Amino acid sequence: MRPIWFLCGLTALGLGLIGVVLPLLPTVPFMLLAAFCFARSSEKMHAWLIEHRVFGPMIEDWNRSGAIRPSAKRWATVSIAAVFGLSLYLDVKTVVLAIQAVTLGCVLIFIWTRPNM
């Protein structure tokens, strides 16, 4: 089972890293998933992720209290607004805008209802 957990961890890590530059793809949930998978497959990768200077504190906050730092909430909100604004600027179809609005709205509700760290 360890190789499967490891592969899932690498996949989640890759998607999280893509999410750093692609705001529509959330980074933190994928990093949380990667940490979960690496905890079951690779002590070395789990330790690396937990000790990472950027991702480690977010994972620890979540593990400790299910909390998200206010700065991360603000950054996520700005990123989501930028993506939606870009879609408006590019004159994306109304149905796609509606799907984006609902999806991104739900993401924002989730983020802003988590406790602050």
N, C-alpha and C. Protein backbone atom coordinates (compact mmCIF):
# COMPACT_ATOMS: atom_id res chain seq x y z
N MET A 1 0.82 -1.20 0.00
CA MET A 1 0.00 0.00 0.00
C MET A 1 0.86 1.26 0.00
N ARG A 2 2.06 1.18 0.59
CA ARG A 2 2.92 2.36 0.69
C ARG A 2 3.22 3.00 -0.66
N PRO A 3 3.51 2.23 -1.70
CA PRO A 3 3.77 2.87 -3.01
C PRO A 3 2.55 3.63 -3.54
N ILE A 4 1.37 3.13 -3.27
CA ILE A 4 0.15 3.82 -3.73
C ILE A 4 -0.01 5.13 -2.97
N TRP A 5 0.19 5.09 -1.64
CA TRP A 5 0.12 6.33 -0.85
C TRP A 5 1.16 7.33 -1.32
N PHE A 6 2.37 6.82 -1.62
CA PHE A 6 3.45 7.70 -2.08
C PHE A 6 3.09 8.35 -3.41
N LEU A 7 2.57 7.57 -4.34
CA LEU A 7 2.16 8.10 -5.64
C LEU A 7 1.05 9.14 -5.48
N CYS A 8 0.10 8.86 -4.61
CA CYS A 8 -0.97 9.84 -4.34
C CYS A 8 -0.39 11.11 -3.73
N GLY A 9 0.59 10.96 -2.84
CA GLY A 9 1.25 12.11 -2.23
C GLY A 9 1.98 12.95 -3.27
N LEU A 10 2.70 12.30 -4.16
CA LEU A 10 3.39 13.03 -5.23
C LEU A 10 2.41 13.75 -6.15
N THR A 11 1.31 13.10 -6.46
CA THR A 11 0.29 13.71 -7.30
C THR A 11 -0.30 14.95 -6.63
N ALA A 12 -0.65 14.80 -5.36
CA ALA A 12 -1.20 15.93 -4.62
C ALA A 12 -0.18 17.07 -4.50
N LEU A 13 1.07 16.73 -4.25
CA LEU A 13 2.12 17.73 -4.17
C LEU A 13 2.26 18.47 -5.50
N GLY A 14 2.26 17.73 -6.60
CA GLY A 14 2.35 18.34 -7.93
C GLY A 14 1.19 19.27 -8.20
N LEU A 15 -0.02 18.84 -7.89
CA LEU A 15 -1.19 19.68 -8.11
C LEU A 15 -1.14 20.92 -7.22
N GLY A 16 -0.66 20.75 -5.99
CA GLY A 16 -0.52 21.90 -5.10
C GLY A 16 0.48 22.90 -5.62
N LEU A 17 1.58 22.41 -6.17
CA LEU A 17 2.59 23.32 -6.73
C LEU A 17 2.07 24.04 -7.97
N ILE A 18 1.29 23.35 -8.77
CA ILE A 18 0.66 24.01 -9.93
C ILE A 18 -0.30 25.09 -9.42
N GLY A 19 -0.98 24.79 -8.31
CA GLY A 19 -1.92 25.75 -7.73
C GLY A 19 -1.28 27.04 -7.24
N VAL A 20 0.04 27.01 -7.02
CA VAL A 20 0.74 28.22 -6.61
C VAL A 20 0.65 29.28 -7.72
N VAL A 21 0.71 28.84 -8.97
CA VAL A 21 0.68 29.79 -10.09
C VAL A 21 -0.66 29.81 -10.82
N LEU A 22 -1.53 28.86 -10.52
CA LEU A 22 -2.84 28.80 -11.16
C LEU A 22 -3.90 28.95 -10.08
N PRO A 23 -4.38 30.18 -9.86
CA PRO A 23 -5.25 30.44 -8.72
C PRO A 23 -6.53 29.61 -8.65
N LEU A 24 -7.01 29.10 -9.77
CA LEU A 24 -8.23 28.31 -9.74
C LEU A 24 -8.01 26.97 -9.06
N LEU A 25 -6.77 26.53 -9.00
CA LEU A 25 -6.43 25.25 -8.38
C LEU A 25 -5.91 25.53 -6.97
N PRO A 26 -6.60 25.08 -5.93
CA PRO A 26 -6.21 25.45 -4.56
C PRO A 26 -4.94 24.72 -4.11
N THR A 27 -4.02 25.46 -3.54
CA THR A 27 -2.74 24.88 -3.12
C THR A 27 -2.85 24.14 -1.79
N VAL A 28 -3.39 24.80 -0.78
CA VAL A 28 -3.35 24.25 0.58
C VAL A 28 -4.06 22.90 0.70
N PRO A 29 -5.27 22.73 0.14
CA PRO A 29 -5.89 21.40 0.28
C PRO A 29 -5.04 20.28 -0.33
N PHE A 30 -4.36 20.57 -1.43
CA PHE A 30 -3.50 19.55 -2.03
C PHE A 30 -2.27 19.28 -1.16
N MET A 31 -1.75 20.32 -0.51
CA MET A 31 -0.61 20.12 0.39
C MET A 31 -1.04 19.33 1.63
N LEU A 32 -2.25 19.58 2.11
CA LEU A 32 -2.77 18.80 3.23
C LEU A 32 -2.92 17.33 2.83
N LEU A 33 -3.44 17.10 1.64
CA LEU A 33 -3.58 15.73 1.14
C LEU A 33 -2.21 15.07 0.96
N ALA A 34 -1.25 15.82 0.44
CA ALA A 34 0.10 15.28 0.27
C ALA A 34 0.69 14.88 1.62
N ALA A 35 0.52 15.75 2.62
CA ALA A 35 1.04 15.43 3.96
C ALA A 35 0.38 14.16 4.51
N PHE A 36 -0.93 14.05 4.31
CA PHE A 36 -1.67 12.86 4.75
C PHE A 36 -1.11 11.60 4.07
N CYS A 37 -0.91 11.67 2.77
CA CYS A 37 -0.41 10.51 2.02
C CYS A 37 1.03 10.18 2.40
N PHE A 38 1.87 11.20 2.53
CA PHE A 38 3.27 10.96 2.88
C PHE A 38 3.40 10.42 4.31
N ALA A 39 2.48 10.77 5.19
CA ALA A 39 2.52 10.24 6.55
C ALA A 39 2.33 8.73 6.54
N ARG A 40 1.71 8.22 5.50
CA ARG A 40 1.45 6.79 5.38
C ARG A 40 2.45 6.07 4.47
N SER A 41 3.37 6.85 3.86
CA SER A 41 4.25 6.21 2.89
C SER A 41 5.72 6.57 3.02
N SER A 42 6.02 7.81 3.41
CA SER A 42 7.42 8.23 3.39
C SER A 42 7.68 9.23 4.52
N GLU A 43 8.39 8.77 5.54
CA GLU A 43 8.73 9.67 6.65
C GLU A 43 9.56 10.85 6.15
N LYS A 44 10.44 10.59 5.20
CA LYS A 44 11.32 11.64 4.66
C LYS A 44 10.51 12.73 3.96
N MET A 45 9.59 12.34 3.08
CA MET A 45 8.78 13.33 2.36
C MET A 45 7.82 14.04 3.30
N HIS A 46 7.27 13.31 4.26
CA HIS A 46 6.36 13.93 5.24
C HIS A 46 7.11 14.99 6.05
N ALA A 47 8.29 14.63 6.53
CA ALA A 47 9.09 15.59 7.30
C ALA A 47 9.46 16.80 6.45
N TRP A 48 9.83 16.56 5.20
CA TRP A 48 10.19 17.68 4.30
C TRP A 48 9.02 18.64 4.14
N LEU A 49 7.84 18.09 3.94
CA LEU A 49 6.66 18.93 3.72
C LEU A 49 6.27 19.67 5.01
N ILE A 50 6.30 18.99 6.13
CA ILE A 50 5.95 19.62 7.41
C ILE A 50 6.97 20.70 7.78
N GLU A 51 8.22 20.52 7.42
CA GLU A 51 9.27 21.48 7.75
C GLU A 51 9.47 22.55 6.67
N HIS A 52 8.73 22.46 5.57
CA HIS A 52 8.87 23.43 4.48
C HIS A 52 8.52 24.81 5.01
N ARG A 53 9.31 25.82 4.65
CA ARG A 53 9.12 27.16 5.23
C ARG A 53 7.82 27.81 4.80
N VAL A 54 7.28 27.46 3.63
CA VAL A 54 6.02 28.05 3.16
C VAL A 54 4.83 27.16 3.51
N PHE A 55 4.90 25.90 3.17
CA PHE A 55 3.76 25.02 3.33
C PHE A 55 3.64 24.43 4.73
N GLY A 56 4.75 24.24 5.41
CA GLY A 56 4.74 23.63 6.73
C GLY A 56 3.84 24.32 7.75
N PRO A 57 3.97 25.65 7.91
CA PRO A 57 3.11 26.32 8.89
C PRO A 57 1.61 26.18 8.60
N MET A 58 1.23 26.21 7.32
CA MET A 58 -0.18 26.05 6.97
C MET A 58 -0.68 24.66 7.34
N ILE A 59 0.14 23.65 7.10
CA ILE A 59 -0.23 22.28 7.42
C ILE A 59 -0.35 22.12 8.94
N GLU A 60 0.61 22.66 9.66
CA GLU A 60 0.58 22.57 11.12
C GLU A 60 -0.64 23.29 11.70
N ASP A 61 -0.96 24.48 11.18
CA ASP A 61 -2.15 25.21 11.64
C ASP A 61 -3.40 24.36 11.45
N TRP A 62 -3.50 23.75 10.28
CA TRP A 62 -4.68 22.93 9.99
C TRP A 62 -4.73 21.70 10.89
N ASN A 63 -3.59 21.03 11.06
CA ASN A 63 -3.55 19.84 11.90
C ASN A 63 -3.87 20.17 13.35
N ARG A 64 -3.40 21.30 13.82
CA ARG A 64 -3.59 21.69 15.21
C ARG A 64 -5.03 22.10 15.49
N SER A 65 -5.63 22.93 14.59
CA SER A 65 -6.94 23.50 14.95
C SER A 65 -7.88 23.73 13.77
N GLY A 66 -7.55 23.22 12.61
CA GLY A 66 -8.42 23.44 11.45
C GLY A 66 -8.46 24.91 11.05
N ALA A 67 -7.38 25.62 11.34
CA ALA A 67 -7.35 27.07 11.13
C ALA A 67 -6.59 27.46 9.88
N ILE A 68 -6.95 28.63 9.35
CA ILE A 68 -6.26 29.22 8.20
C ILE A 68 -5.85 30.63 8.61
N ARG A 69 -4.61 30.99 8.34
CA ARG A 69 -4.13 32.32 8.70
C ARG A 69 -4.85 33.40 7.89
N PRO A 70 -5.12 34.55 8.53
CA PRO A 70 -5.80 35.64 7.82
C PRO A 70 -5.07 36.07 6.55
N SER A 71 -3.75 36.07 6.57
CA SER A 71 -3.00 36.46 5.36
C SER A 71 -3.27 35.47 4.22
N ALA A 72 -3.38 34.18 4.54
CA ALA A 72 -3.68 33.18 3.51
C ALA A 72 -5.11 33.36 2.99
N LYS A 73 -6.02 33.72 3.90
CA LYS A 73 -7.40 33.98 3.47
C LYS A 73 -7.46 35.16 2.51
N ARG A 74 -6.74 36.22 2.85
CA ARG A 74 -6.73 37.40 1.98
C ARG A 74 -6.11 37.08 0.63
N TRP A 75 -4.98 36.35 0.63
CA TRP A 75 -4.32 35.98 -0.62
C TRP A 75 -5.24 35.11 -1.49
N ALA A 76 -5.92 34.18 -0.88
CA ALA A 76 -6.86 33.32 -1.62
C ALA A 76 -7.99 34.15 -2.21
N THR A 77 -8.49 35.11 -1.45
CA THR A 77 -9.58 35.96 -1.93
C THR A 77 -9.13 36.81 -3.11
N VAL A 78 -7.94 37.39 -3.02
CA VAL A 78 -7.41 38.19 -4.12
C VAL A 78 -7.20 37.32 -5.36
N SER A 79 -6.67 36.12 -5.17
CA SER A 79 -6.44 35.21 -6.30
C SER A 79 -7.75 34.82 -6.97
N ILE A 80 -8.75 34.52 -6.16
CA ILE A 80 -10.05 34.13 -6.70
C ILE A 80 -10.68 35.30 -7.46
N ALA A 81 -10.59 36.48 -6.90
CA ALA A 81 -11.13 37.67 -7.57
C ALA A 81 -10.40 37.92 -8.89
N ALA A 82 -9.09 37.70 -8.90
CA ALA A 82 -8.31 37.90 -10.12
C ALA A 82 -8.72 36.91 -11.21
N VAL A 83 -8.92 35.67 -10.81
CA VAL A 83 -9.34 34.65 -11.80
C VAL A 83 -10.71 34.99 -12.36
N PHE A 84 -11.62 35.36 -11.49
CA PHE A 84 -12.97 35.69 -11.96
C PHE A 84 -12.93 36.95 -12.82
N GLY A 85 -12.14 37.93 -12.40
CA GLY A 85 -11.98 39.15 -13.20
C GLY A 85 -11.40 38.87 -14.57
N LEU A 86 -10.43 37.98 -14.63
CA LEU A 86 -9.84 37.60 -15.93
C LEU A 86 -10.89 36.93 -16.81
N SER A 87 -11.71 36.10 -16.22
CA SER A 87 -12.78 35.44 -16.98
C SER A 87 -13.76 36.48 -17.54
N LEU A 88 -14.08 37.47 -16.74
CA LEU A 88 -14.96 38.56 -17.22
C LEU A 88 -14.29 39.32 -18.35
N TYR A 89 -13.02 39.63 -18.18
CA TYR A 89 -12.27 40.38 -19.19
C TYR A 89 -12.19 39.61 -20.51
N LEU A 90 -12.03 38.29 -20.40
CA LEU A 90 -11.92 37.45 -21.60
C LEU A 90 -13.28 37.12 -22.20
N ASP A 91 -14.33 37.64 -21.60
CA ASP A 91 -15.69 37.45 -22.11
C ASP A 91 -16.06 35.96 -22.21
N VAL A 92 -15.79 35.25 -21.11
CA VAL A 92 -16.11 33.83 -21.04
C VAL A 92 -17.63 33.66 -21.07
N LYS A 93 -18.09 32.54 -21.61
CA LYS A 93 -19.52 32.28 -21.70
C LYS A 93 -20.21 32.40 -20.34
N THR A 94 -21.44 32.84 -20.37
CA THR A 94 -22.22 33.08 -19.15
C THR A 94 -22.34 31.82 -18.30
N VAL A 95 -22.55 30.67 -18.92
CA VAL A 95 -22.69 29.43 -18.15
C VAL A 95 -21.39 29.11 -17.41
N VAL A 96 -20.26 29.36 -18.03
CA VAL A 96 -18.97 29.12 -17.38
C VAL A 96 -18.78 30.10 -16.23
N LEU A 97 -19.16 31.36 -16.45
CA LEU A 97 -19.08 32.35 -15.38
C LEU A 97 -19.96 31.96 -14.20
N ALA A 98 -21.13 31.44 -14.49
CA ALA A 98 -22.03 31.02 -13.41
C ALA A 98 -21.43 29.87 -12.61
N ILE A 99 -20.86 28.90 -13.32
CA ILE A 99 -20.21 27.76 -12.64
C ILE A 99 -19.04 28.26 -11.80
N GLN A 100 -18.24 29.16 -12.37
CA GLN A 100 -17.12 29.72 -11.62
C GLN A 100 -17.60 30.47 -10.39
N ALA A 101 -18.64 31.28 -10.56
CA ALA A 101 -19.14 32.08 -9.44
C ALA A 101 -19.61 31.18 -8.29
N VAL A 102 -20.34 30.14 -8.62
CA VAL A 102 -20.83 29.22 -7.58
C VAL A 102 -19.66 28.49 -6.92
N THR A 103 -18.78 27.94 -7.73
CA THR A 103 -17.65 27.16 -7.20
C THR A 103 -16.73 28.03 -6.36
N LEU A 104 -16.33 29.16 -6.92
CA LEU A 104 -15.41 30.04 -6.20
C LEU A 104 -16.07 30.65 -4.98
N GLY A 105 -17.36 30.92 -5.08
CA GLY A 105 -18.10 31.42 -3.92
C GLY A 105 -18.10 30.41 -2.78
N CYS A 106 -18.31 29.15 -3.11
CA CYS A 106 -18.28 28.10 -2.09
C CYS A 106 -16.89 27.98 -1.46
N VAL A 107 -15.86 28.09 -2.29
CA VAL A 107 -14.49 28.05 -1.77
C VAL A 107 -14.26 29.20 -0.80
N LEU A 108 -14.71 30.39 -1.18
CA LEU A 108 -14.54 31.55 -0.29
C LEU A 108 -15.30 31.38 1.02
N ILE A 109 -16.51 30.87 0.93
CA ILE A 109 -17.29 30.63 2.15
C ILE A 109 -16.55 29.65 3.06
N PHE A 110 -16.03 28.58 2.48
CA PHE A 110 -15.28 27.60 3.27
C PHE A 110 -14.07 28.26 3.93
N ILE A 111 -13.30 28.99 3.15
CA ILE A 111 -12.08 29.62 3.67
C ILE A 111 -12.39 30.59 4.80
N TRP A 112 -13.37 31.46 4.58
CA TRP A 112 -13.64 32.52 5.56
C TRP A 112 -14.41 32.04 6.79
N THR A 113 -14.96 30.81 6.75
CA THR A 113 -15.62 30.28 7.94
C THR A 113 -14.68 29.42 8.80
N ARG A 114 -13.46 29.21 8.35
CA ARG A 114 -12.46 28.49 9.17
C ARG A 114 -11.92 29.45 10.22
N PRO A 115 -11.54 28.92 11.36
CA PRO A 115 -10.96 29.78 12.41
C PRO A 115 -9.65 30.42 11.94
N ASN A 116 -9.33 31.58 12.50
CA ASN A 116 -8.05 32.24 12.22
C ASN A 116 -6.97 31.65 13.10
N MET A 117 -5.78 31.70 12.58
CA MET A 117 -4.62 31.23 13.37
C MET A 117 -3.84 32.42 13.85
